[in-house]
Amino acid sequence: MTYGWLNADDRVLIIDDFMAKGYAMHGLIDIVKAAGAQLEGIGIAVEKGFQGGGDGLREAGYNVKSLAIIEEASEGHIVFRDEK
C-alpha cells in the first residue's frame, strides 16, 4: 500500500527539532503505520522532558534519541537530564 510518498517497503527515521508532549510525533507515527512502513527510530534535537512526550514513547517501545533533554526550565534557569 502507498500512503503519500511512503510505502510498505520503506524504513523510516523521524527527525524533529522539538518535542514536548509528543502529540505531533504520534501523528507522524500514525502516518508511518498507515503506510505499512517500518519505523526504525525517532531523533529529536531538544526534548522537553518535563512534559513527558519522549518518556511515553520510550515506554511504548519506540527507539527515541534526543540531543538534549530539558528536565526543568524557568526564567534564566535550565536543568538538563543526565544521559545514562
Protein backbone atom coordinates (compact mmCIF):
# COMPACT_ATOMS: atom_id res chain seq x y z
CA MET A 1 0.00 0.00 0.00
CA THR A 2 1.21 3.51 -0.77
CA TYR A 3 0.39 6.33 1.61
CA GLY A 4 1.54 9.60 0.06
CA TRP A 5 5.25 9.12 -0.55
CA LEU A 6 5.56 6.20 1.86
CA ASN A 7 5.01 2.56 1.10
CA ALA A 8 5.33 -0.75 2.90
CA ASP A 9 8.93 -1.23 1.70
CA ASP A 10 10.17 1.95 3.41
CA ARG A 11 12.19 2.12 6.61
CA VAL A 12 11.64 5.47 8.33
CA LEU A 13 13.71 7.57 10.72
CA ILE A 14 11.71 10.53 12.05
CA ILE A 15 13.79 13.62 12.85
CA ASP A 16 12.28 16.67 14.56
CA ASP A 17 13.55 19.81 16.23
CA PHE A 18 11.49 19.99 19.46
CA MET A 19 9.24 17.57 21.31
CA ALA A 20 7.05 18.35 24.30
CA LYS A 21 4.02 16.14 24.92
CA GLY A 22 4.60 14.09 21.77
CA TYR A 23 1.28 14.74 20.04
CA ALA A 24 2.87 15.68 16.70
CA MET A 25 5.18 12.66 16.94
CA HIS A 26 2.20 10.34 17.47
CA GLY A 27 0.67 11.81 14.30
CA LEU A 28 3.84 11.05 12.33
CA ILE A 29 3.97 7.53 13.77
CA ASP A 30 0.35 7.02 12.68
CA ILE A 31 1.27 8.04 9.11
CA VAL A 32 4.18 5.56 9.06
CA LYS A 33 1.91 2.78 10.36
CA ALA A 34 -0.87 3.62 7.88
CA ALA A 35 1.63 3.21 5.03
CA GLY A 36 2.75 -0.14 6.42
CA ALA A 37 6.32 1.18 6.62
CA GLN A 38 8.82 0.24 9.34
CA LEU A 39 9.66 2.93 11.93
CA GLU A 40 13.35 2.50 12.74
CA GLY A 41 13.71 5.33 15.25
CA ILE A 42 12.99 8.88 16.31
CA GLY A 43 15.61 11.62 16.64
CA ILE A 44 14.89 14.87 18.47
CA ALA A 45 17.18 17.89 18.78
CA VAL A 46 15.64 19.24 22.02
CA GLU A 47 13.16 17.32 24.15
CA LYS A 48 11.15 18.96 26.93
CA GLY A 49 11.49 16.02 29.32
CA PHE A 50 9.30 17.67 31.94
CA GLN A 51 6.33 17.35 29.55
CA GLY A 52 6.65 13.58 29.19
CA GLY A 53 6.28 13.01 25.45
CA GLY A 54 9.61 11.28 24.92
CA ASP A 55 9.32 9.17 28.05
CA GLY A 56 5.89 7.97 26.96
CA LEU A 57 7.21 6.98 23.54
CA ARG A 58 10.15 5.14 25.10
CA GLU A 59 7.80 3.28 27.46
CA ALA A 60 5.74 2.28 24.39
CA GLY A 61 8.87 0.68 22.91
CA TYR A 62 9.97 3.30 20.40
CA ASN A 63 13.68 3.97 19.90
CA VAL A 64 13.91 7.69 20.79
CA LYS A 65 17.20 9.60 20.96
CA SER A 66 17.43 13.28 21.87
CA LEU A 67 20.48 15.52 21.67
CA ALA A 68 19.33 17.40 24.78
CA ILE A 69 16.55 16.68 27.27
CA ILE A 70 15.41 19.59 29.43
CA GLU A 71 14.18 18.42 32.84
CA GLU A 72 13.33 21.82 34.24
CA ALA A 73 13.04 25.29 32.74
CA SER A 74 12.28 28.60 34.35
CA GLU A 75 13.30 32.15 33.60
CA GLY A 76 17.09 32.22 33.49
CA HIS A 77 17.47 28.58 34.57
CA ILE A 78 17.58 25.28 32.61
CA VAL A 79 18.36 21.82 34.00
CA PHE A 80 19.32 19.09 31.55
CA ARG A 81 18.75 15.36 32.08
CA ASP A 82 21.91 13.34 32.56
CA GLU A 83 22.24 10.55 29.99
CA LYS A 84 22.92 7.14 31.47
